[in-house]
Protein backbone atom coordinates (compact mmCIF):
# COMPACT_ATOMS: atom_id res chain seq x y z
CA MET A 1 -64.35 103.55 53.13
CA LEU A 2 -61.76 101.41 51.36
CA LYS A 3 -58.97 103.62 52.65
CA GLY A 4 -60.33 103.22 56.19
CA LEU A 5 -60.50 99.43 55.83
CA ALA A 6 -56.97 99.25 54.41
CA SER A 7 -55.68 101.48 57.20
CA PHE A 8 -57.38 99.25 59.78
CA ILE A 9 -55.78 96.10 58.33
CA VAL A 10 -52.25 97.52 58.56
CA SER A 11 -52.84 99.28 61.89
CA SER A 12 -51.77 96.29 64.01
CA ARG A 13 -50.99 92.58 63.89
CA VAL A 14 -54.24 91.78 65.68
CA ALA A 15 -56.29 93.75 63.13
CA ALA A 16 -54.48 92.12 60.21
CA PHE A 17 -54.86 88.62 61.70
CA GLY A 18 -58.55 89.10 62.48
CA THR A 19 -59.33 90.45 59.01
CA LEU A 20 -57.39 87.68 57.28
CA LEU A 21 -59.05 84.97 59.33
CA VAL A 22 -62.56 86.31 58.70
CA LEU A 23 -61.93 86.58 54.94
CA CYS A 24 -60.37 83.11 54.75
CA LEU A 25 -63.27 81.54 56.64
CA LEU A 26 -65.75 83.45 54.50
CA ALA A 27 -64.08 81.99 51.40
CA LEU A 28 -65.09 78.51 52.57
CA MET A 29 -68.70 79.53 51.82
CA LEU A 30 -68.15 82.27 49.21
CA PRO A 31 -65.16 81.45 46.97
CA LEU A 32 -65.03 85.06 45.71
CA ALA A 33 -63.89 86.12 49.19
CA ALA A 34 -60.54 84.45 48.39
CA LEU A 35 -59.83 87.48 46.18
CA PHE A 36 -60.07 89.74 49.22
CA SER A 37 -58.05 87.48 51.53
CA SER A 38 -55.30 87.46 48.90
CA THR A 39 -55.53 91.25 48.62
CA ALA A 40 -55.27 91.60 52.41
CA ILE A 41 -52.11 89.48 52.74
CA MET A 42 -50.57 91.37 49.81
CA LEU A 43 -51.35 94.69 51.50
CA VAL A 44 -49.56 93.48 54.63
CA VAL A 45 -46.53 92.50 52.53
CA LEU A 46 -46.38 95.90 50.84
CA TYR A 47 -46.87 97.82 54.09
CA ALA A 48 -45.08 95.76 56.75
CA GLY A 49 -42.84 93.39 54.79
CA SER A 50 -42.80 89.73 53.76
CA ARG A 51 -41.68 88.37 57.14
CA GLN A 52 -44.55 89.97 59.01
CA ALA A 53 -47.00 88.70 56.38
CA LEU A 54 -45.53 85.18 56.58
CA TYR A 55 -46.09 85.05 60.35
CA LEU A 56 -49.69 86.18 59.90
CA ALA A 57 -50.29 83.67 57.09
CA ILE A 58 -48.98 80.80 59.24
CA ALA A 59 -51.09 81.90 62.23
CA CYS A 60 -54.18 82.25 60.04
CA THR A 61 -53.64 78.80 58.45
CA LEU A 62 -53.24 77.20 61.90
CA ALA A 63 -56.47 78.86 63.08
CA MET A 64 -58.29 77.61 59.96
CA THR A 65 -56.91 74.12 60.57
CA VAL A 66 -58.34 74.09 64.10
CA PHE A 67 -61.67 75.50 62.87
CA SER A 68 -62.04 72.98 60.04
CA GLY A 69 -61.04 70.18 62.41
CA PHE A 70 -63.95 71.00 64.71
CA ALA A 71 -66.45 72.04 62.03
CA THR A 72 -65.85 69.34 59.41
CA ALA A 73 -63.59 66.80 61.17
CA SER A 74 -61.10 67.44 58.36
CA PRO A 75 -58.19 69.66 59.50
CA LEU A 76 -56.52 69.17 56.11
CA LEU A 77 -59.25 71.35 54.58
CA GLY A 78 -58.08 74.30 56.68
CA ILE A 79 -54.46 73.73 55.69
CA ALA A 80 -55.36 73.45 52.00
CA MET A 81 -57.54 76.57 52.06
CA GLY A 82 -54.93 78.58 53.95
CA ILE A 83 -52.20 77.64 51.50
CA ALA A 84 -54.37 78.19 48.41
CA GLN A 85 -55.59 81.61 49.56
CA LEU A 86 -52.51 83.10 51.19
CA LEU A 87 -49.36 81.53 49.76
CA PRO A 88 -49.76 82.75 46.13
CA GLY A 89 -50.55 86.27 47.35
CA LEU A 90 -47.59 86.24 49.73
CA VAL A 91 -45.20 85.14 46.96
CA LEU A 92 -46.57 87.51 44.31
CA ALA A 93 -46.55 90.57 46.58
CA SER A 94 -43.01 89.71 47.76
CA LEU A 95 -41.87 89.57 44.13
CA TYR A 96 -43.43 92.97 43.52
CA LYS A 97 -41.95 94.51 46.67
CA ARG A 98 -38.48 93.22 45.81
CA SER A 99 -38.53 94.12 42.11
CA GLY A 100 -40.47 97.38 42.47
CA SER A 101 -42.24 96.60 39.19
CA LEU A 102 -45.71 95.17 38.56
CA SER A 103 -44.58 94.02 35.12
CA VAL A 104 -41.65 92.02 36.50
CA ALA A 105 -43.78 90.51 39.28
CA LEU A 106 -46.56 89.45 36.90
CA GLN A 107 -44.17 87.99 34.33
CA THR A 108 -42.44 86.01 37.09
CA ALA A 109 -45.87 84.83 38.26
CA VAL A 110 -46.74 83.49 34.82
CA VAL A 111 -43.43 81.59 34.69
CA ILE A 112 -44.31 80.00 38.05
CA ALA A 113 -47.85 79.22 36.80
CA LEU A 114 -46.47 77.57 33.65
CA ALA A 115 -44.03 75.52 35.72
CA ILE A 116 -46.89 74.36 37.97
CA PHE A 117 -49.03 73.51 34.92
CA ILE A 118 -46.29 71.47 33.24
CA GLY A 119 -45.42 69.82 36.56
CA VAL A 120 -49.03 68.75 37.15
CA ILE A 121 -49.33 67.40 33.61
CA ARG A 122 -46.10 65.41 33.96
CA LEU A 123 -46.53 64.16 37.52
CA LEU A 124 -50.25 63.36 37.19
CA PRO A 125 -50.73 61.81 33.74
CA ASP A 126 -54.26 60.73 34.73
CA ILE A 127 -55.31 64.25 35.73
CA GLU A 128 -57.90 64.34 32.93
CA GLN A 129 -59.64 61.26 34.39
CA ILE A 130 -59.70 62.94 37.81
CA TRP A 131 -61.28 66.07 36.35
CA ALA A 132 -63.72 63.93 34.33
CA GLN A 133 -64.94 62.20 37.50
CA LEU A 134 -65.40 65.50 39.33
CA LEU A 135 -67.20 67.11 36.40
CA GLU A 136 -69.41 64.07 35.91
CA GLN A 137 -70.53 64.25 39.54
CA LEU A 138 -71.22 67.97 39.22
CA LEU A 139 -73.06 67.77 35.90
CA THR A 140 -75.03 64.69 36.91
CA ALA A 141 -76.44 66.66 39.82
CA MET A 142 -77.41 69.40 37.36
CA GLN A 143 -78.79 67.01 34.74
CA ALA A 144 -82.17 66.78 36.47
CA ASN A 145 -82.85 70.35 35.35
CA ALA A 146 -81.28 69.95 31.91
CA SER A 147 -82.40 68.25 28.73
CA LEU A 148 -78.89 67.21 27.63
CA PRO A 149 -78.79 63.54 26.51
CA ALA A 150 -76.47 61.22 28.45
CA ALA A 151 -74.21 60.57 25.44
CA GLU A 152 -73.81 64.29 24.79
CA MET A 153 -73.14 64.85 28.50
CA GLU A 154 -70.22 62.41 28.33
CA THR A 155 -68.78 64.29 25.34
CA VAL A 156 -69.04 67.61 27.18
CA VAL A 157 -67.39 66.17 30.30
CA ALA A 158 -64.55 64.62 28.30
CA ARG A 159 -63.92 67.88 26.43
CA LEU A 160 -63.99 70.04 29.55
CA ALA A 161 -61.70 67.65 31.43
CA GLN A 162 -58.98 68.21 28.81
CA PHE A 163 -58.81 71.92 29.61
CA MET A 164 -59.56 71.96 33.34
CA THR A 165 -55.94 71.97 34.60
CA GLY A 166 -55.03 75.00 32.52
CA LEU A 167 -58.34 76.68 33.28
CA VAL A 168 -57.91 76.32 37.05
CA ILE A 169 -54.31 77.60 36.97
CA ALA A 170 -55.23 80.49 34.65
CA SER A 171 -58.15 81.43 36.92
CA ALA A 172 -55.90 81.39 40.00
CA LEU A 173 -53.31 83.52 38.16
CA LEU A 174 -55.99 86.02 37.15
CA MET A 175 -57.46 86.23 40.65
CA HIS A 176 -54.15 86.78 42.43
CA SER A 177 -52.95 89.21 39.75
CA ILE A 178 -56.10 91.30 40.19
CA ALA A 179 -55.55 91.09 43.96
CA LEU A 180 -52.03 92.46 43.48
CA LEU A 181 -53.31 95.42 41.46
CA PHE A 182 -55.95 96.07 44.12
CA ALA A 183 -53.39 95.78 46.94
CA HIS A 184 -51.07 98.15 45.06
CA TRP A 185 -53.87 100.72 44.90
CA LEU A 186 -54.88 100.26 48.56
CA HIS A 187 -51.26 100.61 49.64
CA ALA A 188 -51.08 103.88 47.73
CA LEU A 189 -54.26 105.07 49.48
CA VAL A 190 -52.84 104.20 52.90
CA ARG A 191 -49.67 106.09 52.05
CA SER A 192 -51.82 108.98 50.76
CA ASN A 193 -49.92 109.11 47.49
CA ASP A 194 -52.31 107.42 45.08
CA GLU A 195 -51.67 109.98 42.33
CA ALA A 196 -47.91 109.47 42.54
CA GLU A 197 -48.42 105.71 42.20
CA ILE A 198 -50.18 105.87 38.82
CA GLU A 199 -47.05 105.72 36.68
CA HIS A 200 -45.45 103.17 38.97
CA GLY A 201 -48.52 100.96 38.62
CA GLU A 202 -48.53 100.72 34.84
CA ILE A 203 -47.96 97.31 33.27
CA SER A 204 -45.65 96.99 30.28
CA LEU A 205 -44.92 93.40 29.34
CA SER A 206 -41.98 92.12 27.35
CA LYS A 207 -42.20 92.16 23.54
CA VAL A 208 -40.51 88.76 23.55
CA LEU A 209 -43.32 87.38 25.71
CA ALA A 210 -45.90 88.93 23.36
CA VAL A 211 -44.28 87.32 20.30
CA ALA A 212 -44.01 83.98 22.12
CA THR A 213 -47.71 84.17 23.05
CA ILE A 214 -48.72 84.85 19.44
CA LEU A 215 -46.58 81.96 18.16
CA ILE A 216 -47.89 79.52 20.79
CA SER A 217 -51.49 80.54 20.05
CA ALA A 218 -50.96 80.14 16.31
CA ALA A 219 -49.38 76.72 16.84
CA ALA A 220 -52.29 75.68 19.07
CA LEU A 221 -54.79 76.65 16.38
CA ALA A 222 -52.81 74.98 13.61
CA THR A 223 -52.24 71.69 15.45
CA GLN A 224 -55.40 71.69 17.63
CA SER A 225 -53.09 70.96 20.57
CA VAL A 226 -54.86 71.04 23.94
CA PHE A 227 -51.51 71.44 25.71
CA LEU A 228 -50.50 74.51 23.67
CA ALA A 229 -54.00 75.99 23.96
CA GLN A 230 -53.74 75.84 27.75
CA LEU A 231 -50.25 77.37 27.66
CA SER A 232 -51.45 80.29 25.55
CA GLY A 233 -54.47 80.71 27.84
CA ILE A 234 -52.29 81.00 30.95
CA ILE A 235 -49.92 83.51 29.33
CA GLY A 236 -52.88 85.36 27.80
CA ILE A 237 -54.05 86.34 31.30
CA LEU A 238 -51.11 88.75 31.51
CA PHE A 239 -52.02 90.47 28.26
CA PHE A 240 -55.64 90.77 29.38
CA LEU A 241 -54.29 92.66 32.40
CA GLN A 242 -52.08 94.80 30.17
CA GLY A 243 -55.08 95.52 27.94
CA MET A 244 -57.13 96.69 30.93
CA ASN A 245 -54.16 98.66 32.25
CA ALA A 246 -53.80 100.36 28.86
CA ILE A 247 -57.49 101.30 28.90
CA HIS A 248 -57.00 102.85 32.35
CA SER A 249 -54.11 104.92 30.98
CA ILE A 250 -55.99 106.01 27.87
CA THR A 251 -59.25 106.92 29.63
CA ARG A 252 -57.39 109.10 32.14
CA ALA A 253 -56.63 111.49 29.30
CA MET A 254 -60.23 111.52 27.98
CA THR A 255 -62.97 114.00 28.84
CA LYS A 256 -65.47 111.27 29.77
CA GLY A 257 -62.81 108.75 30.65
CA LYS A 258 -64.54 107.32 33.73
CA LEU A 259 -67.67 106.56 31.72
CA TRP A 260 -65.66 104.64 29.10
CA LEU A 261 -63.75 102.81 31.84
CA ILE A 262 -66.98 101.70 33.53
CA LEU A 263 -68.34 100.60 30.15
CA SER A 264 -65.20 98.51 29.57
CA TYR A 265 -65.65 96.71 32.90
CA LEU A 266 -69.35 96.10 32.21
CA LEU A 267 -68.50 94.55 28.84
CA VAL A 268 -65.97 92.21 30.46
CA ILE A 269 -68.46 91.18 33.16
CA PHE A 270 -71.51 90.64 30.94
CA ILE A 271 -69.81 89.66 27.66
CA PRO A 272 -66.85 87.41 28.60
CA GLN A 273 -65.75 87.24 24.94
CA THR A 274 -64.59 90.83 25.40
CA MET A 275 -61.62 89.38 27.30
CA LEU A 276 -60.24 88.06 24.01
CA LEU A 277 -60.36 91.56 22.51
CA LEU A 278 -58.53 92.91 25.57
CA VAL A 279 -55.87 90.20 25.25
CA LEU A 280 -55.38 91.27 21.63
CA PHE A 281 -55.28 94.92 22.70
CA GLY A 282 -52.67 94.05 25.34
CA LEU A 283 -50.54 92.24 22.76
CA ILE A 284 -50.73 95.19 20.36
CA ASP A 285 -49.91 97.63 23.17
CA SER A 286 -46.90 95.53 24.19
CA LEU A 287 -45.55 95.37 20.65
CA SER A 288 -46.21 98.99 19.62
CA ASN A 289 -46.73 101.01 22.84
CA LEU A 290 -50.20 101.82 21.54
CA ARG A 291 -51.41 103.54 24.73
CA SER A 292 -48.71 106.18 24.44
CA ARG A 293 -49.64 106.96 20.84
CA ILE A 294 -53.36 107.20 21.60
CA SER A 295 -52.80 109.30 24.74
CA HIS A 296 -50.78 111.82 22.74
């Protein structure tokens, strides 16, 4: 089914445009759909090239602008949603197509994410107050069903606001990175060479980046620096992906590998703390090529 859907998306410009527009509009109601709109634009990049994908992204954003103008009297919402959903995917897939390496593309993406994070912190020094206001409105609406005292609520809001910028950027990096891995796999299915793409799709991050991540994390713990904690969180997304990628490689060589792979995903979904173990596994794999040793 997925192969048929991917083949339909790349079959023509009309099919690609229609699919993108439906997914982008769906994301206005279901934010998770943004993962699939990003995957779709990435698939177009990998199959038809960056220029073709750019034209489709512009057309889709214009259509969303018209729709949001009529539906909400706010055309800027359509522009913002189009840019947020399609531009990161377009850039990331173009980096991958040009470099031919998932590792290079993802490491470039984290550099861009860090630059955006630092830029936001520098250009918007009152960003914490903005987040605090938004969180206060959200939590106040939820407070009717909660027993949290007002004073404690303020403490929670103030603490969350400190980390929100890094959390939002890290979440966006994770979503679009997963979309790239998904698009890579769909592209292989369309080309009918998914087995040949396995090696090409492995992630192997720089040892220098791994050491830098460990040092930044240690410094964040030692100094209790919110800024450094957010930096390490953004970079840590890459090593979570490497950890999952290593598990894929290891389970392929196991007798009941699919069962262990499914169990790994279930742990990540239902026990989010498992992500920290996978980040650590990714760091170890980067420094020692652990997957190769276990596989052999």
